[in-house]
């Protein structure tokens, strides 16, 4: 049985029965097609369901997720590391740009004060 649980209330809001030969992954992807709420919420799931197709489906709906990625998911793990490095670089550039602006403003202020008669 694949259950969708609303964590605050611990109520099962949807479920899919897994037969003896059914895989959890396609059933999970069917669950992702269901609409549970028009309010923002966060999908969480174990590493088995961390599949590129599932993640892209969640993003396409404008929803958020918290996914577990294991070492044996090499391609996805590499993409996750790359995404974090890119975001970190963007953040660092923003911080450096702000620092440069502050130093420039403070430097100009110092020059104006020194040149004032």
C-alpha atoms as a PDB file:
ATOM      1  CA  UNK A   1       0.000   0.000   0.000  1.00  0.00           C
ATOM      2  CA  UNK A   2       1.285   3.436  -0.949  1.00  0.00           C
ATOM      3  CA  UNK A   3      -0.194   6.080   1.368  1.00  0.00           C
ATOM      4  CA  UNK A   4      -0.298   9.864   1.141  1.00  0.00           C
ATOM      5  CA  UNK A   5      -0.330  11.264   4.646  1.00  0.00           C
ATOM      6  CA  UNK A   6      -1.062  14.804   5.748  1.00  0.00           C
ATOM      7  CA  UNK A   7       1.681  15.046   8.354  1.00  0.00           C
ATOM      8  CA  UNK A   8       0.138  17.581  10.734  1.00  0.00           C
ATOM      9  CA  UNK A   9      -3.014  15.542  11.309  1.00  0.00           C
ATOM     10  CA  UNK A  10      -1.466  12.157  10.412  1.00  0.00           C
ATOM     11  CA  UNK A  11      -4.509  11.408   8.259  1.00  0.00           C
ATOM     12  CA  UNK A  12      -4.157   9.294   5.119  1.00  0.00           C
ATOM     13  CA  UNK A  13      -5.652  11.430   2.346  1.00  0.00           C
ATOM     14  CA  UNK A  14      -4.958   9.043  -0.549  1.00  0.00           C
ATOM     15  CA  UNK A  15      -3.631   5.571  -1.109  1.00  0.00           C
ATOM     16  CA  UNK A  16      -2.728   3.219  -3.940  1.00  0.00           C
ATOM     17  CA  UNK A  17      -2.806  -0.517  -3.555  1.00  0.00           C
ATOM     18  CA  UNK A  18       0.347  -2.251  -4.712  1.00  0.00           C
ATOM     19  CA  UNK A  19      -0.263  -5.738  -6.012  1.00  0.00           C
ATOM     20  CA  UNK A  20       2.355  -8.456  -5.849  1.00  0.00           C
ATOM     21  CA  UNK A  21       3.859  -7.425  -9.188  1.00  0.00           C
ATOM     22  CA  UNK A  22       3.248  -3.657  -9.074  1.00  0.00           C
ATOM     23  CA  UNK A  23       6.139  -1.279  -8.587  1.00  0.00           C
ATOM     24  CA  UNK A  24       5.783   1.609  -6.169  1.00  0.00           C
ATOM     25  CA  UNK A  25       7.375   4.104  -8.588  1.00  0.00           C
ATOM     26  CA  UNK A  26       4.623   4.236 -11.273  1.00  0.00           C
ATOM     27  CA  UNK A  27       1.962   4.244  -8.564  1.00  0.00           C
ATOM     28  CA  UNK A  28       3.706   7.149  -6.858  1.00  0.00           C
ATOM     29  CA  UNK A  29       3.736   9.025 -10.171  1.00  0.00           C
ATOM     30  CA  UNK A  30      -0.028   8.471 -10.455  1.00  0.00           C
ATOM     31  CA  UNK A  31      -0.434   9.922  -6.965  1.00  0.00           C
ATOM     32  CA  UNK A  32       1.524  13.005  -8.072  1.00  0.00           C
ATOM     33  CA  UNK A  33      -1.103  13.631 -10.745  1.00  0.00           C
ATOM     34  CA  UNK A  34      -3.774  13.989  -8.047  1.00  0.00           C
ATOM     35  CA  UNK A  35      -4.644  17.410  -6.645  1.00  0.00           C
ATOM     36  CA  UNK A  36      -4.690  17.463  -2.853  1.00  0.00           C
ATOM     37  CA  UNK A  37      -4.821  21.159  -2.158  1.00  0.00           C
ATOM     38  CA  UNK A  38      -4.660  24.484  -3.909  1.00  0.00           C
ATOM     39  CA  UNK A  39      -2.661  25.763  -0.936  1.00  0.00           C
ATOM     40  CA  UNK A  40       1.134  25.486  -0.885  1.00  0.00           C
ATOM     41  CA  UNK A  41       2.438  22.205   0.450  1.00  0.00           C
ATOM     42  CA  UNK A  42       5.604  20.154   0.387  1.00  0.00           C
ATOM     43  CA  UNK A  43       5.965  16.635  -0.989  1.00  0.00           C
ATOM     44  CA  UNK A  44       8.352  14.388   0.922  1.00  0.00           C
ATOM     45  CA  UNK A  45       9.223  10.798   0.045  1.00  0.00           C
ATOM     46  CA  UNK A  46      11.939   8.211   0.371  1.00  0.00           C
ATOM     47  CA  UNK A  47      14.853   7.740  -2.027  1.00  0.00           C
ATOM     48  CA  UNK A  48      13.047   5.019  -4.004  1.00  0.00           C
ATOM     49  CA  UNK A  49      10.626   7.627  -5.348  1.00  0.00           C
ATOM     50  CA  UNK A  50      13.303  10.198  -6.088  1.00  0.00           C
ATOM     51  CA  UNK A  51      13.061   9.799  -9.842  1.00  0.00           C
ATOM     52  CA  UNK A  52      13.763  12.544 -12.380  1.00  0.00           C
ATOM     53  CA  UNK A  53      10.333  12.075 -13.994  1.00  0.00           C
ATOM     54  CA  UNK A  54       8.611  12.453 -10.616  1.00  0.00           C
ATOM     55  CA  UNK A  55      10.621  15.530  -9.653  1.00  0.00           C
ATOM     56  CA  UNK A  56       9.982  17.177 -13.019  1.00  0.00           C
ATOM     57  CA  UNK A  57       6.249  16.444 -12.649  1.00  0.00           C
ATOM     58  CA  UNK A  58       6.147  18.113  -9.241  1.00  0.00           C
ATOM     59  CA  UNK A  59       8.042  21.152 -10.524  1.00  0.00           C
ATOM     60  CA  UNK A  60       5.788  21.401 -13.593  1.00  0.00           C
ATOM     61  CA  UNK A  61       2.800  21.764 -11.248  1.00  0.00           C
ATOM     62  CA  UNK A  62       4.589  24.553  -9.367  1.00  0.00           C
ATOM     63  CA  UNK A  63       4.797  22.476  -6.193  1.00  0.00           C
ATOM     64  CA  UNK A  64       7.742  21.948  -3.838  1.00  0.00           C
ATOM     65  CA  UNK A  65       9.441  18.765  -2.690  1.00  0.00           C
ATOM     66  CA  UNK A  66      12.053  17.533  -0.272  1.00  0.00           C
ATOM     67  CA  UNK A  67      13.747  14.525  -1.843  1.00  0.00           C
ATOM     68  CA  UNK A  68      16.267  12.047  -0.514  1.00  0.00           C
ATOM     69  CA  UNK A  69      19.063  11.178  -2.915  1.00  0.00           C
ATOM     70  CA  UNK A  70      21.312   8.210  -2.259  1.00  0.00           C
ATOM     71  CA  UNK A  71      24.839   7.508  -3.428  1.00  0.00           C
ATOM     72  CA  UNK A  72      23.658   4.859  -5.893  1.00  0.00           C
ATOM     73  CA  UNK A  73      21.655   7.523  -7.773  1.00  0.00           C
ATOM     74  CA  UNK A  74      24.882   8.840  -9.272  1.00  0.00           C
ATOM     75  CA  UNK A  75      23.475  10.968 -12.113  1.00  0.00           C
ATOM     76  CA  UNK A  76      20.814  12.597  -9.949  1.00  0.00           C
ATOM     77  CA  UNK A  77      23.263  13.099  -7.082  1.00  0.00           C
ATOM     78  CA  UNK A  78      25.669  14.821  -9.483  1.00  0.00           C
ATOM     79  CA  UNK A  79      22.844  17.103 -10.690  1.00  0.00           C
ATOM     80  CA  UNK A  80      21.937  17.964  -7.090  1.00  0.00           C
ATOM     81  CA  UNK A  81      25.552  18.835  -6.252  1.00  0.00           C
ATOM     82  CA  UNK A  82      25.822  20.927  -9.421  1.00  0.00           C
ATOM     83  CA  UNK A  83      22.602  22.810  -8.621  1.00  0.00           C
ATOM     84  CA  UNK A  84      23.815  23.573  -5.082  1.00  0.00           C
ATOM     85  CA  UNK A  85      27.191  24.741  -6.404  1.00  0.00           C
ATOM     86  CA  UNK A  86      25.490  27.031  -8.949  1.00  0.00           C
ATOM     87  CA  UNK A  87      23.178  28.515  -6.308  1.00  0.00           C
ATOM     88  CA  UNK A  88      26.077  28.929  -3.902  1.00  0.00           C
ATOM     89  CA  UNK A  89      28.106  30.714  -6.598  1.00  0.00           C
ATOM     90  CA  UNK A  90      25.162  33.041  -7.333  1.00  0.00           C
ATOM     91  CA  UNK A  91      24.773  33.787  -3.633  1.00  0.00           C
ATOM     92  CA  UNK A  92      28.506  34.412  -3.232  1.00  0.00           C
ATOM     93  CA  UNK A  93      28.505  36.748  -6.254  1.00  0.00           C
ATOM     94  CA  UNK A  94      25.588  38.683  -4.779  1.00  0.00           C
ATOM     95  CA  UNK A  95      27.392  38.989  -1.451  1.00  0.00           C
ATOM     96  CA  UNK A  96      30.599  40.143  -3.171  1.00  0.00           C
ATOM     97  CA  UNK A  97      28.697  42.674  -5.308  1.00  0.00           C
ATOM     98  CA  UNK A  98      27.023  44.097  -2.196  1.00  0.00           C
ATOM     99  CA  UNK A  99      30.377  44.240  -0.412  1.00  0.00           C
ATOM    100  CA  UNK A 100      31.947  46.046  -3.405  1.00  0.00           C
ATOM    101  CA  UNK A 101      29.069  48.554  -3.414  1.00  0.00           C
ATOM    102  CA  UNK A 102      29.470  49.194   0.331  1.00  0.00           C
ATOM    103  CA  UNK A 103      33.241  49.613   0.026  1.00  0.00           C
ATOM    104  CA  UNK A 104      32.798  51.941  -2.930  1.00  0.00           C
ATOM    105  CA  UNK A 105      30.226  54.061  -1.100  1.00  0.00           C
ATOM    106  CA  UNK A 106      32.336  54.138   2.065  1.00  0.00           C
ATOM    107  CA  UNK A 107      35.460  54.921   0.014  1.00  0.00           C
ATOM    108  CA  UNK A 108      33.716  57.785  -1.792  1.00  0.00           C
ATOM    109  CA  UNK A 109      32.441  59.112   1.521  1.00  0.00           C
ATOM    110  CA  UNK A 110      35.976  59.011   2.939  1.00  0.00           C
ATOM    111  CA  UNK A 111      37.373  60.820  -0.140  1.00  0.00           C
ATOM    112  CA  UNK A 112      34.694  63.520   0.082  1.00  0.00           C
ATOM    113  CA  UNK A 113      35.392  64.031   3.788  1.00  0.00           C
ATOM    114  CA  UNK A 114      39.157  64.287   3.160  1.00  0.00           C
ATOM    115  CA  UNK A 115      38.716  66.744   0.294  1.00  0.00           C
ATOM    116  CA  UNK A 116      36.289  68.995   2.163  1.00  0.00           C
ATOM    117  CA  UNK A 117      37.826  72.323   3.229  1.00  0.00           C
END
